[in-house]
Protein backbone atom coordinates (compact mmCIF):
# COMPACT_ATOMS: atom_id res chain seq x y z
CA MET A 1 2.51 -35.86 109.87
CA LYS A 2 0.97 -37.47 106.84
CA LYS A 3 -0.95 -39.82 109.04
CA ASN A 4 -2.19 -37.05 111.35
CA ALA A 5 -3.40 -34.91 108.20
CA LEU A 6 -5.12 -37.90 106.78
CA TYR A 7 -6.93 -38.61 110.01
CA ILE A 8 -8.17 -34.98 110.29
CA ILE A 9 -9.39 -34.98 106.68
CA LEU A 10 -11.35 -38.34 107.45
CA THR A 11 -12.75 -36.84 110.52
CA ILE A 12 -14.14 -33.87 108.67
CA LEU A 13 -15.54 -36.03 106.05
CA ILE A 14 -17.35 -38.19 108.52
CA ILE A 15 -18.77 -35.27 110.43
CA SER A 16 -19.83 -33.72 107.22
CA SER A 17 -21.60 -36.85 106.03
CA PHE A 18 -23.48 -36.90 109.36
CA SER A 19 -24.50 -33.31 108.96
CA HIS A 20 -25.64 -33.96 105.40
CA ALA A 21 -27.73 -36.99 106.45
CA GLU A 22 -29.46 -35.05 109.16
CA MET A 23 -30.33 -32.03 106.89
CA ASN A 24 -31.90 -34.55 104.32
CA GLN A 25 -33.78 -36.95 106.41
CA ASN A 26 -37.65 -37.01 106.30
CA PHE A 27 -38.90 -35.20 109.46
CA ASN A 28 -42.27 -35.62 110.95
CA ASP A 29 -45.12 -33.41 110.15
CA ARG A 30 -46.33 -31.83 113.46
CA GLU A 31 -49.73 -32.87 114.70
CA PRO A 32 -52.02 -30.19 116.14
CA VAL A 33 -52.20 -30.07 119.99
CA ARG A 34 -54.63 -27.34 120.72
CA ALA A 35 -57.41 -28.08 118.03
CA GLY A 36 -60.80 -28.06 119.94
CA GLN A 37 -59.28 -26.01 122.79
CA PHE A 38 -57.82 -22.80 121.71
CA TYR A 39 -59.65 -22.75 118.22
CA PRO A 40 -62.24 -25.08 116.55
CA GLY A 41 -61.42 -28.67 116.03
CA THR A 42 -63.13 -29.44 112.86
CA SER A 43 -62.19 -28.09 109.35
CA SER A 44 -65.54 -26.57 108.59
CA GLU A 45 -66.12 -24.76 111.94
CA LEU A 46 -62.45 -23.60 111.96
CA SER A 47 -62.78 -22.15 108.29
CA LYS A 48 -65.95 -20.43 109.25
CA THR A 49 -64.44 -18.96 112.34
CA VAL A 50 -61.29 -17.62 110.75
CA LYS A 51 -63.25 -16.27 107.73
CA GLY A 52 -65.62 -14.46 110.13
CA TYR A 53 -62.80 -12.79 111.96
CA LEU A 54 -61.28 -11.79 108.74
CA GLU A 55 -64.48 -10.24 107.57
CA ASP A 56 -64.70 -8.10 110.77
CA ALA A 57 -61.12 -7.20 110.65
CA VAL A 58 -59.56 -3.77 110.62
CA LYS A 59 -59.24 -2.85 106.93
CA PRO A 60 -55.85 -2.97 105.27
CA SER A 61 -53.92 0.38 105.14
CA GLY A 62 -52.64 -0.52 101.61
CA GLU A 63 -49.07 -0.63 102.55
CA ARG A 64 -47.30 -4.09 102.18
CA PRO A 65 -46.22 -5.34 105.58
CA VAL A 66 -42.67 -6.66 105.88
CA ALA A 67 -43.82 -8.10 109.31
CA ILE A 68 -46.79 -8.31 111.66
CA ILE A 69 -47.22 -9.06 115.36
CA SER A 70 -50.14 -11.29 116.17
CA PRO A 71 -51.30 -12.85 119.55
CA HIS A 72 -51.50 -16.41 120.31
CA ALA A 73 -54.15 -16.88 123.01
CA GLY A 74 -57.52 -18.77 122.49
CA TYR A 75 -59.52 -17.37 119.54
CA ILE A 76 -62.32 -16.50 121.90
CA TYR A 77 -59.98 -14.03 123.52
CA SER A 78 -57.49 -13.00 120.79
CA GLY A 79 -58.75 -14.24 117.54
CA GLN A 80 -60.11 -10.92 116.35
CA ILE A 81 -56.81 -9.13 117.01
CA ALA A 82 -55.09 -11.96 115.23
CA ALA A 83 -57.33 -11.28 112.18
CA ASP A 84 -56.64 -7.67 112.28
CA ALA A 85 -53.04 -8.29 112.10
CA PHE A 86 -53.15 -10.80 109.33
CA SER A 87 -55.66 -8.68 107.36
CA GLN A 88 -53.00 -6.12 106.77
CA ALA A 89 -51.23 -8.60 104.65
CA ALA A 90 -54.26 -10.04 102.85
CA ASP A 91 -54.07 -7.98 99.60
CA HIS A 92 -50.45 -8.60 98.94
CA SER A 93 -48.47 -11.62 97.62
CA TYR A 94 -45.78 -13.49 99.49
CA ASP A 95 -43.56 -16.40 98.49
CA LEU A 96 -42.64 -17.38 102.17
CA ILE A 97 -44.18 -16.79 105.56
CA ILE A 98 -41.77 -16.93 108.54
CA LEU A 99 -43.61 -17.77 111.92
CA LEU A 100 -41.74 -16.87 115.00
CA GLY A 101 -43.17 -18.51 118.07
CA VAL A 102 -42.48 -18.36 121.88
CA ASN A 103 -41.02 -20.96 124.11
CA HIS A 104 -43.65 -21.76 126.58
CA THR A 105 -42.95 -25.44 127.12
CA SER A 106 -39.11 -26.06 127.09
CA PRO A 107 -37.60 -23.97 129.82
CA GLY A 108 -34.12 -25.47 129.39
CA PHE A 109 -33.98 -24.50 125.76
CA THR A 110 -32.16 -21.23 124.85
CA ASP A 111 -31.38 -21.78 121.24
CA ILE A 112 -33.61 -21.23 118.08
CA SER A 113 -35.50 -24.22 116.79
CA VAL A 114 -36.56 -24.43 113.13
CA TYR A 115 -39.30 -27.00 112.59
CA PRO A 116 -38.22 -29.12 109.51
CA GLY A 117 -41.58 -30.89 108.74
CA GLY A 118 -45.12 -29.34 107.94
CA TYR A 119 -47.58 -28.04 110.55
CA LYS A 120 -51.04 -29.81 110.59
CA THR A 121 -54.35 -28.08 111.57
CA PRO A 122 -57.91 -29.37 110.92
CA LEU A 123 -57.62 -27.29 107.59
CA GLY A 124 -54.89 -29.71 106.48
CA LEU A 125 -51.09 -29.45 106.20
CA ALA A 126 -49.10 -26.16 106.00
CA GLU A 127 -46.09 -27.18 104.25
CA THR A 128 -42.67 -26.04 105.28
CA ASP A 129 -40.06 -24.60 102.86
CA LYS A 130 -37.52 -27.33 103.79
CA ASP A 131 -34.77 -25.86 101.69
CA PHE A 132 -34.91 -22.50 103.37
CA ALA A 133 -35.11 -24.15 106.76
CA LYS A 134 -31.96 -26.13 105.97
CA GLN A 135 -30.10 -22.96 104.77
CA LEU A 136 -31.26 -21.24 107.91
CA VAL A 137 -30.04 -23.94 110.27
CA ALA A 138 -26.68 -24.02 108.33
CA SER A 139 -26.40 -20.22 108.38
CA GLY A 140 -26.03 -19.04 111.99
CA LYS A 141 -25.07 -19.83 115.55
CA ASN A 142 -27.61 -21.39 117.82
CA ILE A 143 -30.09 -22.30 115.11
CA VAL A 144 -31.08 -25.97 115.23
CA PHE A 145 -33.64 -28.54 114.17
CA ASP A 146 -35.33 -29.60 117.44
CA GLU A 147 -38.86 -31.10 116.92
CA SER A 148 -39.35 -31.58 120.69
CA VAL A 149 -39.39 -27.86 121.40
CA HIS A 150 -42.42 -27.65 118.96
CA ALA A 151 -44.34 -30.75 120.11
CA ARG A 152 -46.64 -28.99 122.81
CA GLU A 153 -46.05 -25.38 121.81
CA HIS A 154 -49.20 -23.51 120.75
CA SER A 155 -47.78 -20.01 119.83
CA ILE A 156 -47.26 -20.94 116.21
CA GLU A 157 -50.06 -23.45 115.84
CA VAL A 158 -52.66 -20.94 116.47
CA MET A 159 -51.44 -18.72 113.61
CA VAL A 160 -51.33 -21.27 111.04
CA PRO A 161 -54.96 -21.40 110.19
CA PHE A 162 -54.84 -17.67 109.33
CA VAL A 163 -52.05 -18.52 106.90
CA GLN A 164 -53.83 -21.41 105.46
CA VAL A 165 -57.01 -19.31 104.81
CA LEU A 166 -55.24 -16.17 103.34
CA PHE A 167 -52.14 -17.73 101.71
CA PRO A 168 -53.07 -21.44 100.95
CA ASN A 169 -50.20 -22.05 98.56
CA VAL A 170 -47.41 -20.30 100.55
CA ARG A 171 -44.93 -22.23 102.39
CA ILE A 172 -44.03 -21.55 105.92
CA VAL A 173 -40.90 -21.90 108.19
CA PRO A 174 -41.89 -22.31 111.76
CA ILE A 175 -39.33 -21.11 114.27
CA ILE A 176 -39.37 -20.99 118.12
CA VAL A 177 -36.98 -18.36 119.51
CA GLY A 178 -35.92 -19.94 122.78
CA THR A 179 -35.28 -17.22 125.07
CA PRO A 180 -35.70 -13.32 125.11
CA ASP A 181 -32.07 -12.61 124.97
CA LEU A 182 -31.38 -9.26 123.24
CA ASN A 183 -28.11 -10.40 121.68
CA LEU A 184 -29.49 -13.61 120.49
CA CYS A 185 -32.56 -12.03 118.90
CA THR A 186 -30.67 -9.19 117.33
CA ARG A 187 -28.19 -11.53 115.70
CA PHE A 188 -30.94 -13.97 114.55
CA GLY A 189 -32.93 -10.97 113.19
CA LYS A 190 -29.77 -9.94 111.17
CA THR A 191 -29.56 -13.45 109.89
CA LEU A 192 -33.01 -13.57 108.82
CA ALA A 193 -32.79 -10.22 107.05
CA HIS A 194 -29.83 -11.29 105.10
CA MET A 195 -31.41 -14.61 104.06
CA LEU A 196 -34.82 -12.87 103.04
CA LYS A 197 -33.40 -9.93 100.96
CA SER A 198 -34.32 -11.66 97.73
CA ARG A 199 -37.49 -13.16 98.84
CA LYS A 200 -41.03 -11.70 99.14
CA ALA A 201 -41.42 -12.86 102.68
CA LEU A 202 -43.80 -11.89 105.58
CA ILE A 203 -42.49 -12.42 109.06
CA VAL A 204 -44.94 -12.99 111.81
CA ALA A 205 -44.03 -12.62 115.61
CA SER A 206 -46.28 -14.40 117.90
CA CYS A 207 -46.78 -12.33 121.14
CA ASP A 208 -49.37 -11.54 123.85
CA LEU A 209 -48.90 -8.50 125.95
CA SER A 210 -49.35 -8.03 129.84
CA HIS A 211 -50.21 -10.97 131.81
CA TYR A 212 -52.64 -10.82 134.96
CA PRO A 213 -52.83 -7.33 135.99
CA ASN A 214 -56.26 -5.71 136.33
CA TYR A 215 -58.01 -4.14 133.35
CA GLU A 216 -56.79 -0.55 133.69
CA ASP A 217 -53.22 -1.46 134.65
CA ALA A 218 -53.09 -3.80 131.71
CA LYS A 219 -54.13 -0.84 129.30
CA LYS A 220 -51.53 1.42 130.79
CA ALA A 221 -48.76 -1.12 130.77
CA ASP A 222 -49.58 -2.40 127.30
CA LYS A 223 -49.63 1.18 125.86
CA LYS A 224 -45.96 1.75 126.96
CA THR A 225 -45.13 -1.73 125.56
CA LEU A 226 -46.56 -0.97 122.20
CA GLU A 227 -45.04 2.52 122.15
CA ALA A 228 -41.66 0.82 122.57
CA ILE A 229 -42.40 -1.35 119.65
CA MET A 230 -43.19 1.59 117.50
CA THR A 231 -39.63 2.85 118.00
CA LEU A 232 -38.30 0.00 115.94
CA GLU A 233 -35.44 -0.27 118.44
CA PRO A 234 -35.00 -3.71 120.09
CA ASP A 235 -33.03 -2.32 123.00
CA THR A 236 -35.65 0.35 123.82
CA PHE A 237 -38.28 -2.37 123.77
CA PHE A 238 -36.23 -4.55 125.89
CA SER A 239 -35.48 -1.95 128.51
CA THR A 240 -39.09 -0.74 128.65
CA ILE A 241 -40.49 -4.11 129.43
CA ARG A 242 -37.87 -4.81 131.89
CA GLU A 243 -38.60 -1.36 133.63
CA GLN A 244 -42.29 -2.09 133.81
CA GLU A 245 -41.82 -5.60 135.07
CA ARG A 246 -39.82 -4.09 137.97
CA SER A 247 -42.22 -1.23 138.68
CA GLY A 248 -44.51 -2.96 141.10
CA ILE A 249 -47.61 -3.28 139.02
CA LYS A 250 -49.89 -5.56 140.94
CA ASN A 251 -50.04 -9.14 139.62
CA LEU A 252 -48.04 -8.25 136.55
CA ALA A 253 -46.14 -11.48 135.41
CA THR A 254 -44.84 -10.09 132.03
CA CYS A 255 -45.28 -7.24 129.71
CA ALA A 256 -44.69 -9.40 126.44
CA CYS A 257 -45.04 -13.05 126.32
CA GLY A 258 -43.26 -13.20 122.98
CA ALA A 259 -40.56 -10.67 123.58
CA ALA A 260 -38.12 -12.80 121.83
CA PRO A 261 -40.08 -12.94 118.49
CA VAL A 262 -40.83 -9.13 118.73
CA MET A 263 -37.11 -8.36 119.21
CA THR A 264 -36.19 -10.64 116.24
CA VAL A 265 -38.73 -8.91 114.07
CA MET A 266 -37.63 -5.51 115.05
CA ALA A 267 -34.06 -6.31 114.24
CA ALA A 268 -34.89 -8.02 110.87
CA THR A 269 -37.36 -5.51 109.44
CA LYS A 270 -35.18 -2.46 109.84
CA ARG A 271 -32.64 -4.27 107.68
CA LEU A 272 -35.25 -5.22 105.14
CA GLY A 273 -36.39 -1.52 104.70
CA ALA A 274 -39.30 -1.15 107.23
CA ASN A 275 -39.10 2.35 108.67
CA SER A 276 -42.48 2.48 110.36
CA ALA A 277 -44.37 0.27 112.76
CA LYS A 278 -48.15 0.80 113.09
CA LEU A 279 -50.65 -0.16 115.76
CA VAL A 280 -53.53 -1.91 114.06
CA SER A 281 -55.66 -2.73 117.11
CA TYR A 282 -55.60 -3.41 120.84
CA ALA A 283 -57.67 -5.30 123.20
CA ASN A 284 -57.29 -7.48 126.27
CA SER A 285 -59.21 -10.42 127.77
CA GLY A 286 -61.42 -8.24 129.83
CA ASP A 287 -62.93 -7.03 126.66
CA VAL A 288 -64.76 -10.20 125.86
CA PRO A 289 -67.85 -11.39 127.72
CA VAL A 290 -66.34 -14.41 129.18
CA GLY A 291 -63.30 -12.39 130.47
CA SER A 292 -62.72 -11.07 134.03
CA ARG A 293 -61.46 -7.63 134.42
CA ASP A 294 -59.69 -8.37 137.64
CA ARG A 295 -56.97 -10.59 135.89
CA VAL A 296 -56.40 -9.98 132.19
CA VAL A 297 -54.04 -10.79 129.23
CA GLY A 298 -53.37 -8.02 126.66
CA TYR A 299 -53.20 -8.55 122.91
CA GLY A 300 -51.96 -6.10 119.98
CA ALA A 301 -51.77 -6.34 116.26
CA VAL A 302 -48.82 -4.29 114.78
CA SER A 303 -47.77 -3.96 111.24
CA PHE A 304 -44.23 -3.08 110.00
CA VAL A 305 -44.12 -1.30 106.62
CA LYS A 306 -41.93 0.70 104.37
CA ASN A 307 -43.09 4.39 104.01
CA ASN A 308 -41.76 5.96 100.84
CA LYS A 309 -41.19 9.43 102.29
């Protein structure tokens, strides 16, 4: 019995030491993969472009956002909507920015991947809050460090320059939510809310809306999706997008490319005191000169705030 007990104790210590070593190793900073494609590839041009969008952005409401939704397409299509979203937070201070991305590139990944290193863009390095990242991975089920999931994924990368311009000294935590599972996202949202209660954090959900219907069908579908987001109820949002995707809208591939980040934000912000979601702006790819109206992608900027009523 004593030998068995000693064996168990040694096994636990060995496993713990491996876990500790993994949590404290130096992780690589992620190199940009879409610079020069989705957004300008030089520092000067990127800075000029982002600042230009922000100058033209929808003016802040004055309320401090707990979270925002921002699109992740090429800037020529969705850069102004992204600026509209980030501009709502521009007049406020934060000590941490959580960036929730979509899983486009790792179809077999169904967990939640926190990136432990920094994120590089042509503007330089956006540093990750490594202590918070470690605590997050240690805190909940299905939350892991997996650099490979981030390697070719653009949905966080395109948001980082807005953070670098508006909040140059604020650390980020880049997270890809692997799958739009309602239970997974709700549980993760609760975990985030618990960990952020003592922080002045901004959570950003990366999400595009309808994919590939015609212009008018996209506007109708996106209106219903955005109305579901305004309810602040993840299950209402989930059922709304599923109902629309089964309704026979021609060429509709998805209503929300970013449903997982959105459901996570909805679950988290309610527990952080947000009681209102506000539509800041909307457009689709058919609204820009280079876009076709026969096959479009929708984009919406949403702000989640506390109304003191």
